[in-house]
């Protein structure tokens, strides 16, 4: 089963979901704005993606500027906590199957989880 961290208002997220559904994938939808991932889950996803937190953040969101998340002295745990507290900061969609994780930008990237 593929877990999709999804925002139904985002066209890229909707497109990624449709691609998975059209391919016959079993998808668990997590509307992350309503149910944000925990700090532990975000840390796991970042580790599997081999990314630092800012690479998974929407840096043009108001919260990013308001919270001064561009401050290079902030530690990983602080950036992850900001994403948990302000899930709009999380880039979307994120698709997960086991230890495989992809950011659906562009949406077709989610098909890699199906071997396509």
N, C-alpha and C. Protein backbone atom coordinates (compact mmCIF):
# COMPACT_ATOMS: atom_id res chain seq x y z
N UNK A 1 0.84 -1.18 0.00
CA UNK A 1 0.00 0.00 0.00
C UNK A 1 0.89 1.25 0.00
N UNK A 2 0.49 2.21 -0.78
CA UNK A 2 1.22 3.48 -0.86
C UNK A 2 0.50 4.51 0.00
N UNK A 3 1.26 5.10 0.91
CA UNK A 3 0.72 6.19 1.72
C UNK A 3 1.03 7.49 0.98
N UNK A 4 0.01 8.29 0.76
CA UNK A 4 0.18 9.56 0.05
C UNK A 4 -0.16 10.70 0.98
N UNK A 5 0.86 11.50 1.32
CA UNK A 5 0.63 12.72 2.07
C UNK A 5 0.09 13.72 1.06
N UNK A 6 -1.18 14.06 1.23
CA UNK A 6 -1.98 14.68 0.18
C UNK A 6 -2.66 15.95 0.67
N UNK A 7 -2.73 16.92 -0.23
CA UNK A 7 -3.52 18.12 -0.01
C UNK A 7 -4.51 18.19 -1.16
N UNK A 8 -5.80 17.95 -0.90
CA UNK A 8 -6.77 17.92 -2.00
C UNK A 8 -6.93 19.25 -2.72
N UNK A 9 -6.44 20.34 -2.14
CA UNK A 9 -6.54 21.65 -2.81
C UNK A 9 -5.37 21.89 -3.76
N UNK A 10 -4.38 21.01 -3.74
CA UNK A 10 -3.18 21.18 -4.57
C UNK A 10 -3.33 20.38 -5.86
N UNK A 11 -3.18 21.04 -6.99
CA UNK A 11 -3.35 20.35 -8.27
C UNK A 11 -2.30 19.26 -8.48
N UNK A 12 -1.07 19.48 -8.05
CA UNK A 12 -0.02 18.46 -8.20
C UNK A 12 -0.33 17.24 -7.35
N UNK A 13 -0.84 17.47 -6.17
CA UNK A 13 -1.20 16.37 -5.28
C UNK A 13 -2.38 15.58 -5.86
N UNK A 14 -3.36 16.28 -6.37
CA UNK A 14 -4.51 15.61 -7.00
C UNK A 14 -4.06 14.80 -8.21
N UNK A 15 -3.15 15.36 -8.98
CA UNK A 15 -2.64 14.66 -10.17
C UNK A 15 -1.88 13.39 -9.77
N UNK A 16 -1.06 13.49 -8.74
CA UNK A 16 -0.31 12.31 -8.27
C UNK A 16 -1.27 11.22 -7.80
N UNK A 17 -2.30 11.60 -7.06
CA UNK A 17 -3.29 10.63 -6.60
C UNK A 17 -3.98 9.96 -7.78
N UNK A 18 -4.37 10.73 -8.76
CA UNK A 18 -5.04 10.17 -9.94
C UNK A 18 -4.12 9.20 -10.67
N UNK A 19 -2.85 9.55 -10.82
CA UNK A 19 -1.90 8.66 -11.49
C UNK A 19 -1.81 7.32 -10.75
N UNK A 20 -1.72 7.38 -9.44
CA UNK A 20 -1.64 6.14 -8.65
C UNK A 20 -2.93 5.32 -8.77
N UNK A 21 -4.06 5.99 -8.66
CA UNK A 21 -5.34 5.29 -8.76
C UNK A 21 -5.54 4.69 -10.16
N UNK A 22 -5.19 5.45 -11.19
CA UNK A 22 -5.33 4.95 -12.55
C UNK A 22 -4.43 3.74 -12.81
N UNK A 23 -3.31 3.68 -12.08
CA UNK A 23 -2.38 2.55 -12.23
C UNK A 23 -2.81 1.36 -11.38
N UNK A 24 -3.92 1.52 -10.64
CA UNK A 24 -4.43 0.41 -9.83
C UNK A 24 -3.78 0.26 -8.47
N UNK A 25 -3.05 1.27 -8.04
CA UNK A 25 -2.37 1.19 -6.74
C UNK A 25 -3.37 1.29 -5.60
N UNK A 26 -3.05 0.59 -4.53
CA UNK A 26 -3.80 0.69 -3.29
C UNK A 26 -3.20 1.88 -2.53
N UNK A 27 -4.00 2.93 -2.33
CA UNK A 27 -3.49 4.19 -1.78
C UNK A 27 -4.18 4.51 -0.46
N UNK A 28 -3.36 4.79 0.53
CA UNK A 28 -3.85 5.33 1.80
C UNK A 28 -3.61 6.82 1.75
N UNK A 29 -4.67 7.59 1.80
CA UNK A 29 -4.56 9.05 1.71
C UNK A 29 -4.45 9.63 3.11
N UNK A 30 -3.42 10.43 3.31
CA UNK A 30 -3.25 11.16 4.56
C UNK A 30 -3.33 12.64 4.23
N UNK A 31 -4.41 13.27 4.63
CA UNK A 31 -4.54 14.72 4.44
C UNK A 31 -3.70 15.37 5.52
N UNK A 32 -2.46 15.65 5.17
CA UNK A 32 -1.47 16.06 6.17
C UNK A 32 -1.75 17.41 6.81
N UNK A 33 -2.61 18.23 6.20
CA UNK A 33 -2.97 19.49 6.84
C UNK A 33 -3.89 19.23 8.03
N UNK A 34 -4.68 18.16 7.95
CA UNK A 34 -5.56 17.77 9.06
C UNK A 34 -4.84 16.84 10.04
N UNK A 35 -3.98 15.98 9.50
CA UNK A 35 -3.26 15.00 10.31
C UNK A 35 -1.78 15.05 9.93
N UNK A 36 -1.05 16.01 10.50
CA UNK A 36 0.36 16.13 10.13
C UNK A 36 1.17 14.92 10.58
N UNK A 37 2.21 14.59 9.85
CA UNK A 37 3.09 13.52 10.30
C UNK A 37 3.80 13.96 11.59
N UNK A 38 4.18 12.99 12.39
CA UNK A 38 4.91 13.29 13.62
C UNK A 38 6.34 13.72 13.27
N UNK A 39 7.02 14.27 14.24
CA UNK A 39 8.42 14.64 14.05
C UNK A 39 9.24 13.41 13.69
N UNK A 40 8.94 12.29 14.33
CA UNK A 40 9.67 11.06 14.05
C UNK A 40 9.45 10.60 12.61
N UNK A 41 8.20 10.69 12.14
CA UNK A 41 7.91 10.27 10.77
C UNK A 41 8.57 11.21 9.76
N UNK A 42 8.52 12.50 10.02
CA UNK A 42 9.18 13.44 9.11
C UNK A 42 10.69 13.20 9.08
N UNK A 43 11.28 12.94 10.24
CA UNK A 43 12.71 12.65 10.28
C UNK A 43 13.02 11.40 9.47
N UNK A 44 12.18 10.38 9.60
CA UNK A 44 12.35 9.13 8.83
C UNK A 44 12.26 9.39 7.33
N UNK A 45 11.24 10.15 6.92
CA UNK A 45 11.06 10.46 5.50
C UNK A 45 12.26 11.24 4.96
N UNK A 46 12.72 12.23 5.71
CA UNK A 46 13.87 13.01 5.28
C UNK A 46 15.11 12.13 5.16
N UNK A 47 15.28 11.23 6.10
CA UNK A 47 16.43 10.32 6.06
C UNK A 47 16.36 9.43 4.83
N UNK A 48 15.19 8.86 4.57
CA UNK A 48 15.02 7.99 3.40
C UNK A 48 15.20 8.77 2.10
N UNK A 49 14.79 10.02 2.09
CA UNK A 49 14.95 10.86 0.90
C UNK A 49 16.37 11.41 0.79
N UNK A 50 17.14 11.27 1.86
CA UNK A 50 18.49 11.83 1.93
C UNK A 50 18.45 13.35 1.71
N UNK A 51 17.50 13.99 2.42
CA UNK A 51 17.31 15.44 2.32
C UNK A 51 17.42 16.08 3.69
N UNK A 52 17.83 17.32 3.69
CA UNK A 52 17.76 18.14 4.89
C UNK A 52 16.36 18.77 4.93
N UNK A 53 15.87 19.14 6.11
CA UNK A 53 14.50 19.64 6.23
C UNK A 53 14.12 20.76 5.28
N UNK A 54 14.99 21.74 5.07
CA UNK A 54 14.61 22.86 4.19
C UNK A 54 14.31 22.41 2.77
N UNK A 55 14.90 21.30 2.35
CA UNK A 55 14.66 20.80 0.99
C UNK A 55 13.24 20.25 0.84
N UNK A 56 12.57 20.01 1.95
CA UNK A 56 11.20 19.51 1.91
C UNK A 56 10.21 20.58 2.37
N UNK A 57 10.71 21.81 2.48
CA UNK A 57 9.86 22.91 2.94
C UNK A 57 9.46 23.82 1.79
N UNK A 58 8.24 24.30 1.89
CA UNK A 58 7.74 25.29 0.93
C UNK A 58 8.20 26.66 1.44
N UNK A 59 9.30 27.11 0.91
CA UNK A 59 9.97 28.29 1.44
C UNK A 59 9.28 29.60 1.10
N UNK A 60 8.28 29.55 0.25
CA UNK A 60 7.55 30.78 -0.09
C UNK A 60 6.30 30.97 0.77
N UNK A 61 6.03 30.01 1.65
CA UNK A 61 4.87 30.14 2.55
C UNK A 61 5.14 31.24 3.58
N UNK A 62 4.07 31.91 4.00
CA UNK A 62 4.17 32.97 5.01
C UNK A 62 4.90 32.50 6.26
N UNK A 63 4.55 31.29 6.70
CA UNK A 63 5.12 30.77 7.94
C UNK A 63 6.64 30.67 7.86
N UNK A 64 7.16 30.34 6.70
CA UNK A 64 8.60 30.19 6.54
C UNK A 64 9.30 31.51 6.87
N UNK A 65 8.77 32.59 6.33
CA UNK A 65 9.34 33.91 6.58
C UNK A 65 9.07 34.35 8.02
N UNK A 66 7.83 34.19 8.47
CA UNK A 66 7.44 34.67 9.81
C UNK A 66 8.22 33.98 10.92
N UNK A 67 8.54 32.70 10.71
CA UNK A 67 9.27 31.94 11.73
C UNK A 67 10.79 32.02 11.55
N UNK A 68 11.24 32.78 10.54
CA UNK A 68 12.67 32.96 10.26
C UNK A 68 13.37 31.62 10.08
N UNK A 69 12.74 30.75 9.30
CA UNK A 69 13.28 29.41 9.10
C UNK A 69 14.49 29.40 8.17
N UNK A 70 14.81 30.55 7.61
CA UNK A 70 16.02 30.64 6.80
C UNK A 70 17.27 30.86 7.67
N UNK A 71 17.07 30.98 8.97
CA UNK A 71 18.18 31.15 9.92
C UNK A 71 19.05 29.89 9.91
N UNK A 72 20.27 30.01 9.44
CA UNK A 72 21.15 28.85 9.27
C UNK A 72 21.57 28.24 10.60
N UNK A 73 21.34 28.93 11.71
CA UNK A 73 21.71 28.37 13.01
C UNK A 73 20.65 27.41 13.55
N UNK A 74 19.49 27.36 12.91
CA UNK A 74 18.43 26.44 13.38
C UNK A 74 18.86 24.99 13.14
N UNK A 75 18.62 24.17 14.13
CA UNK A 75 18.97 22.76 14.03
C UNK A 75 17.86 21.99 13.31
N UNK A 76 18.23 20.82 12.84
CA UNK A 76 17.30 19.92 12.14
C UNK A 76 16.00 19.74 12.93
N UNK A 77 16.14 19.47 14.22
CA UNK A 77 14.95 19.22 15.06
C UNK A 77 14.02 20.43 15.11
N UNK A 78 14.59 21.63 15.07
CA UNK A 78 13.75 22.84 15.08
C UNK A 78 12.99 22.98 13.77
N UNK A 79 13.65 22.68 12.67
CA UNK A 79 12.99 22.77 11.36
C UNK A 79 11.89 21.72 11.24
N UNK A 80 12.16 20.52 11.71
CA UNK A 80 11.15 19.46 11.68
C UNK A 80 9.97 19.84 12.57
N UNK A 81 10.24 20.38 13.74
CA UNK A 81 9.16 20.80 14.64
C UNK A 81 8.30 21.88 13.98
N UNK A 82 8.92 22.77 13.23
CA UNK A 82 8.16 23.81 12.52
C UNK A 82 7.22 23.19 11.50
N UNK A 83 7.69 22.14 10.81
CA UNK A 83 6.82 21.47 9.82
C UNK A 83 5.67 20.74 10.49
N UNK A 84 5.90 20.18 11.67
CA UNK A 84 4.83 19.51 12.40
C UNK A 84 3.80 20.54 12.86
N UNK A 85 4.28 21.66 13.39
CA UNK A 85 3.39 22.70 13.89
C UNK A 85 2.70 23.49 12.79
N UNK A 86 3.34 23.55 11.62
CA UNK A 86 2.82 24.32 10.49
C UNK A 86 2.91 23.45 9.23
N UNK A 87 2.01 22.47 9.11
CA UNK A 87 2.13 21.51 8.01
C UNK A 87 2.04 22.11 6.61
N UNK A 88 1.54 23.34 6.48
CA UNK A 88 1.54 23.98 5.16
C UNK A 88 2.94 24.12 4.60
N UNK A 89 3.93 24.06 5.49
CA UNK A 89 5.32 24.19 5.07
C UNK A 89 5.83 22.95 4.32
N UNK A 90 5.15 21.82 4.50
CA UNK A 90 5.62 20.56 3.92
C UNK A 90 5.31 20.52 2.42
N UNK A 91 6.34 20.24 1.64
CA UNK A 91 6.16 20.08 0.19
C UNK A 91 5.25 18.88 -0.05
N UNK A 92 4.47 18.97 -1.09
CA UNK A 92 3.54 17.88 -1.40
C UNK A 92 3.52 17.61 -2.87
N UNK A 93 3.02 16.46 -3.21
CA UNK A 93 2.69 15.30 -2.38
C UNK A 93 3.94 14.48 -2.08
N UNK A 94 3.85 13.70 -1.02
CA UNK A 94 4.90 12.75 -0.68
C UNK A 94 4.26 11.37 -0.69
N UNK A 95 4.87 10.45 -1.44
CA UNK A 95 4.36 9.08 -1.54
C UNK A 95 5.36 8.14 -0.88
N UNK A 96 4.84 7.20 -0.09
CA UNK A 96 5.68 6.30 0.68
C UNK A 96 5.17 4.87 0.52
N UNK A 97 6.12 3.98 0.24
CA UNK A 97 5.81 2.55 0.27
C UNK A 97 7.00 1.86 0.92
N UNK A 98 6.78 1.41 2.15
CA UNK A 98 7.88 0.79 2.89
C UNK A 98 8.98 1.80 3.13
N UNK A 99 10.17 1.47 2.64
CA UNK A 99 11.32 2.36 2.79
C UNK A 99 11.59 3.18 1.53
N UNK A 100 10.65 3.18 0.60
CA UNK A 100 10.78 3.98 -0.62
C UNK A 100 9.91 5.22 -0.47
N UNK A 101 10.51 6.36 -0.73
CA UNK A 101 9.80 7.64 -0.60
C UNK A 101 10.12 8.49 -1.81
N UNK A 102 9.09 9.14 -2.36
CA UNK A 102 9.31 10.10 -3.44
C UNK A 102 8.45 11.34 -3.18
N UNK A 103 9.00 12.47 -3.58
CA UNK A 103 8.24 13.72 -3.58
C UNK A 103 7.67 13.85 -4.98
N UNK A 104 6.37 13.99 -5.09
CA UNK A 104 5.68 14.02 -6.37
C UNK A 104 5.77 15.34 -7.09
N UNK A 105 6.95 15.81 -7.31
CA UNK A 105 7.21 17.02 -8.09
C UNK A 105 8.22 16.67 -9.15
N UNK A 106 7.85 16.43 -10.36
CA UNK A 106 6.49 16.42 -10.91
C UNK A 106 5.71 15.18 -10.43
N UNK A 107 4.39 15.23 -10.57
CA UNK A 107 3.54 14.15 -10.07
C UNK A 107 3.91 12.76 -10.58
N UNK A 108 4.42 12.66 -11.79
CA UNK A 108 4.76 11.35 -12.38
C UNK A 108 5.81 10.60 -11.56
N UNK A 109 6.54 11.29 -10.73
CA UNK A 109 7.57 10.64 -9.91
C UNK A 109 6.99 9.58 -8.98
N UNK A 110 5.70 9.74 -8.60
CA UNK A 110 5.10 8.75 -7.69
C UNK A 110 5.01 7.37 -8.35
N UNK A 111 5.01 7.33 -9.67
CA UNK A 111 4.91 6.06 -10.37
C UNK A 111 6.15 5.19 -10.17
N UNK A 112 7.24 5.80 -9.72
CA UNK A 112 8.47 5.04 -9.43
C UNK A 112 8.21 3.99 -8.35
N UNK A 113 7.25 4.24 -7.48
CA UNK A 113 6.92 3.28 -6.43
C UNK A 113 6.23 2.05 -6.99
N UNK A 114 5.76 2.16 -8.22
CA UNK A 114 5.10 1.03 -8.89
C UNK A 114 6.02 0.38 -9.90
N UNK A 115 7.27 0.83 -9.92
CA UNK A 115 8.23 0.28 -10.89
C UNK A 115 8.00 0.79 -12.29
N UNK A 116 7.37 1.96 -12.42
CA UNK A 116 7.08 2.52 -13.76
C UNK A 116 7.92 3.74 -14.01
